[in-house]
Protein backbone atom coordinates (compact mmCIF):
# COMPACT_ATOMS: atom_id res chain seq x y z
CA MET A 1 0.00 0.00 0.00
CA THR A 2 1.51 3.30 -1.09
CA ASP A 3 0.28 6.83 -0.63
CA GLN A 4 -1.06 8.48 -3.75
CA PRO A 5 -1.68 12.19 -4.40
CA LEU A 6 -5.25 13.30 -3.82
CA VAL A 7 -4.95 16.07 -6.41
CA PRO A 8 -3.45 15.43 -9.86
CA PRO A 9 -0.29 17.46 -10.55
CA ARG A 10 -0.98 20.38 -12.86
CA ASP A 11 2.43 20.43 -14.52
CA LYS A 12 1.53 17.53 -16.82
CA PRO A 13 -1.58 16.02 -18.42
CA PHE A 14 -3.75 13.86 -16.17
CA ARG A 15 -3.19 10.15 -16.77
CA LEU A 16 -5.15 7.35 -15.12
CA THR A 17 -2.12 5.09 -15.46
CA ASP A 18 -0.48 7.21 -12.72
CA TYR A 19 -3.05 5.81 -10.27
CA ASP A 20 -3.58 2.29 -8.99
CA PRO A 21 -7.29 1.30 -9.26
CA GLY A 22 -6.70 -1.24 -6.49
CA TYR A 23 -5.34 1.33 -4.04
CA VAL A 24 -7.01 1.35 -0.63
CA LYS A 25 -6.36 3.60 2.34
CA ILE A 26 -8.46 1.76 4.91
CA LYS A 27 -9.05 -1.94 5.56
CA GLU A 28 -12.49 -3.26 4.65
CA LYS A 29 -13.25 -4.33 8.23
CA ASP A 30 -12.44 -0.86 9.58
CA ALA A 31 -14.41 0.78 6.79
CA ARG A 32 -17.53 -1.27 7.56
CA GLU A 33 -17.40 -0.18 11.20
CA ARG A 34 -16.97 3.48 10.33
CA ILE A 35 -19.60 3.61 7.61
CA LEU A 36 -22.40 2.63 10.01
CA ALA A 37 -21.85 5.75 12.09
CA LEU A 38 -21.21 7.91 9.05
CA ARG A 39 -24.53 6.87 7.47
CA VAL A 40 -26.40 8.05 10.54
CA ARG A 41 -24.48 11.33 10.59
CA LEU A 42 -25.08 11.85 6.87
CA ASN A 43 -28.81 11.36 7.36
CA GLU A 44 -28.81 13.94 10.18
CA LEU A 45 -27.06 16.47 7.93
CA LEU A 46 -29.40 15.80 5.01
CA ASP A 47 -32.38 16.34 7.32
CA LEU A 48 -30.93 19.67 8.45
CA MET A 49 -30.35 20.72 4.85
CA TYR A 50 -33.91 19.72 3.95
CA ALA A 51 -35.29 21.78 6.82
CA ASP A 52 -33.10 24.79 6.02
CA LYS A 53 -33.98 24.90 2.28
CA GLY A 54 -30.86 26.99 1.63
CA HIS A 55 -28.83 24.60 -0.52
CA GLY A 56 -29.28 21.57 -2.74
CA LEU A 57 -26.80 18.70 -2.97
CA LEU A 58 -25.90 17.04 -6.26
CA VAL A 59 -23.78 13.88 -6.09
CA VAL A 60 -22.40 12.73 -9.44
CA LEU A 61 -21.29 9.10 -9.77
CA GLN A 62 -19.48 8.39 -13.01
CA GLY A 63 -17.53 5.31 -14.06
CA MET A 64 -17.25 2.41 -16.46
CA ASP A 65 -19.82 -0.38 -16.48
CA ALA A 66 -19.60 -2.49 -13.30
CA SER A 67 -17.56 0.14 -11.45
CA GLY A 68 -20.03 0.14 -8.54
CA LYS A 69 -22.23 3.19 -9.09
CA ASP A 70 -25.39 1.43 -7.94
CA GLY A 71 -23.62 -0.07 -4.95
CA ALA A 72 -22.09 3.24 -3.91
CA ALA A 73 -25.45 5.01 -3.99
CA ASN A 74 -27.13 2.22 -2.06
CA SER A 75 -24.38 1.94 0.53
CA VAL A 76 -23.57 5.58 1.24
CA PHE A 77 -27.20 6.76 1.29
CA HIS A 78 -28.59 3.62 2.90
CA ASP A 79 -30.05 5.50 5.87
CA ALA A 80 -31.05 8.67 4.04
CA GLY A 81 -34.74 9.52 4.24
CA PRO A 82 -36.75 9.12 1.01
CA VAL A 83 -38.41 12.56 1.24
CA GLY A 84 -35.37 14.66 0.41
CA CYS A 85 -33.08 12.17 -1.32
CA SER A 86 -33.42 10.46 -4.70
CA VAL A 87 -31.38 8.77 -7.44
CA VAL A 88 -31.59 9.65 -11.14
CA ASP A 89 -30.31 7.20 -13.75
CA PHE A 90 -29.25 8.56 -17.13
CA GLY A 91 -29.54 6.08 -19.96
CA VAL A 92 -29.96 6.53 -23.69
CA PRO A 93 -31.97 9.73 -24.32
CA ASN A 94 -35.61 9.11 -25.19
CA GLU A 95 -37.47 10.82 -28.03
CA GLU A 96 -38.51 13.81 -25.92
CA GLU A 97 -35.00 14.30 -24.57
CA ARG A 98 -33.48 14.11 -28.04
CA GLY A 99 -35.73 16.99 -29.03
CA HIS A 100 -33.96 19.29 -26.57
CA ASP A 101 -30.38 20.34 -25.90
CA TYR A 102 -28.28 17.67 -24.19
CA LEU A 103 -28.35 19.45 -20.80
CA TRP A 104 -32.15 19.81 -20.73
CA ARG A 105 -32.86 16.47 -19.06
CA VAL A 106 -29.95 17.00 -16.68
CA HIS A 107 -30.97 20.48 -15.54
CA LYS A 108 -34.54 19.49 -14.75
CA ALA A 109 -33.26 16.56 -12.66
CA CYS A 110 -31.03 18.74 -10.48
CA PRO A 111 -32.03 19.11 -6.82
CA GLU A 112 -34.18 21.91 -5.57
CA ARG A 113 -32.91 23.66 -2.46
CA GLY A 114 -33.12 21.41 0.54
CA LYS A 115 -32.96 18.18 -1.45
CA THR A 116 -30.29 15.69 -2.47
CA VAL A 117 -30.05 14.04 -5.88
CA ILE A 118 -27.57 11.31 -6.82
CA PHE A 119 -26.77 11.06 -10.53
CA ASN A 120 -26.05 7.49 -11.65
CA ARG A 121 -24.14 8.52 -14.77
CA SER A 122 -24.60 12.14 -15.75
CA HIS A 123 -24.04 14.96 -18.22
CA TYR A 124 -20.47 13.68 -18.53
CA GLU A 125 -21.80 10.93 -20.80
CA ASP A 126 -21.88 13.66 -23.46
CA VAL A 127 -18.08 13.87 -23.47
CA LEU A 128 -17.58 10.15 -22.86
CA VAL A 129 -19.84 7.74 -24.76
CA VAL A 130 -20.76 10.48 -27.25
CA ARG A 131 -17.07 10.99 -27.98
CA VAL A 132 -16.08 7.32 -28.07
CA ARG A 133 -19.06 6.17 -30.11
CA GLY A 134 -18.96 9.14 -32.46
CA PHE A 135 -22.54 10.22 -31.72
CA ALA A 136 -21.60 13.87 -32.33
CA PRO A 137 -18.92 15.60 -34.42
CA GLU A 138 -15.61 16.27 -32.67
CA ALA A 139 -16.16 20.03 -32.72
CA ARG A 140 -19.49 19.54 -30.95
CA TRP A 141 -18.36 17.32 -28.09
CA LYS A 142 -15.18 19.36 -27.58
CA ALA A 143 -17.33 22.47 -27.02
CA ARG A 144 -19.18 20.61 -24.27
CA TYR A 145 -16.27 20.75 -21.82
CA ASP A 146 -16.71 24.52 -21.49
CA GLU A 147 -20.51 24.23 -21.61
CA ILE A 148 -20.54 21.72 -18.76
CA ASN A 149 -18.20 23.89 -16.69
CA ASP A 150 -20.49 26.88 -17.29
CA PHE A 151 -23.52 24.78 -16.36
CA GLU A 152 -21.95 23.68 -13.09
CA ARG A 153 -20.90 27.24 -12.29
CA LEU A 154 -24.54 28.26 -12.71
CA LEU A 155 -25.71 25.52 -10.34
CA THR A 156 -23.07 26.49 -7.79
CA ALA A 157 -24.03 30.16 -7.98
CA GLU A 158 -27.61 29.13 -7.22
CA ASN A 159 -26.55 27.26 -4.04
CA THR A 160 -26.23 23.73 -5.38
CA VAL A 161 -23.28 21.91 -3.85
CA ILE A 162 -21.80 19.51 -6.41
CA LEU A 163 -19.75 16.48 -5.35
CA LYS A 164 -18.32 14.47 -8.24
CA PHE A 165 -16.86 10.97 -7.99
CA PHE A 166 -15.10 8.89 -10.63
CA LEU A 167 -15.30 5.21 -9.69
CA TYR A 168 -12.04 3.81 -11.00
CA ILE A 169 -11.64 0.08 -11.63
CA SER A 170 -9.18 -1.97 -13.66
CA LYS A 171 -10.08 -3.76 -16.86
CA GLU A 172 -9.55 -7.10 -15.09
CA GLU A 173 -11.84 -6.10 -12.21
CA GLN A 174 -14.50 -5.12 -14.72
CA ARG A 175 -14.19 -8.52 -16.41
CA GLU A 176 -14.77 -10.26 -13.09
CA GLN A 177 -17.77 -8.07 -12.26
CA LEU A 178 -19.36 -8.57 -15.69
CA GLN A 179 -18.84 -12.33 -15.43
CA GLU A 180 -20.52 -12.31 -12.01
CA ARG A 181 -23.54 -10.65 -13.60
CA VAL A 182 -23.79 -13.59 -15.98
CA ASP A 183 -23.22 -16.28 -13.34
CA ASP A 184 -25.37 -14.87 -10.51
CA PRO A 185 -29.12 -15.18 -11.22
CA ALA A 186 -29.79 -12.27 -8.86
CA LYS A 187 -27.59 -10.00 -10.97
CA GLN A 188 -28.42 -11.20 -14.47
CA TRP A 189 -30.86 -8.33 -14.95
CA LYS A 190 -27.84 -5.99 -15.02
CA SER A 191 -26.17 -7.83 -17.89
CA ARG A 192 -26.46 -6.39 -21.40
CA MET A 193 -24.63 -7.02 -24.67
CA GLY A 194 -23.64 -3.35 -24.90
CA ASP A 195 -21.32 -3.84 -21.91
CA LEU A 196 -19.13 -6.14 -24.00
CA ASP A 197 -19.14 -3.70 -26.92
CA ASP A 198 -17.99 -0.89 -24.64
CA ARG A 199 -15.36 -3.15 -23.08
CA LYS A 200 -13.73 -3.54 -26.51
CA LEU A 201 -13.26 0.24 -26.49
CA TRP A 202 -11.62 0.35 -23.04
CA ASP A 203 -8.59 2.38 -24.14
CA GLU A 204 -10.77 4.90 -25.96
CA TYR A 205 -12.93 5.31 -22.85
CA MET A 206 -9.87 5.76 -20.63
CA ALA A 207 -8.66 8.54 -22.93
CA ALA A 208 -12.09 10.17 -22.80
CA TYR A 209 -12.16 9.99 -18.99
CA GLU A 210 -8.67 11.48 -18.76
CA ALA A 211 -9.71 14.41 -20.94
CA ALA A 212 -12.91 14.97 -18.95
CA ILE A 213 -11.15 14.84 -15.58
CA ASP A 214 -8.31 17.04 -16.82
């Protein structure tokens, strides 16, 4: 176990290969003990925020397939009350959403003051899958980096606190998780052929994530 920088150095481009996806800073047993108390404390704070109605909280979970986005939302917010806390999943845009700008469905899903919303995937898909799959011209998705930054500045100015998390796993760990989805009847509903198609483009996705994070 080696210490790793929490903040990427700014004197060179951000590279995921500089970070170990298997790095841990706390043993699982110790983490399980701490998370029980932290869940209760988190729920207390979310209740206070809901009562105050001064700020909203947006939690963005982004990562490759099988990186644990569902599990993170379920675990961290396990004890959060249902009144002020919800999860929004962003899949392929439907017909109505395709008739609007790409941030339309995202903006309307953002939390009102006092509430918490967890994004399972997010507006970052528009500089990730859109880039890798070629769903928009390069000039269009490149412009979205600045547009997304402007969008988040607007949310912040209007008292939305944004916490963004990239769930980083290795290609081998993803293979094991995808295989478990096939083998475990309780998880087979998560399995889809598109996961394998995206897996073939692993390097392209890593490059897209590096650019987005940078």
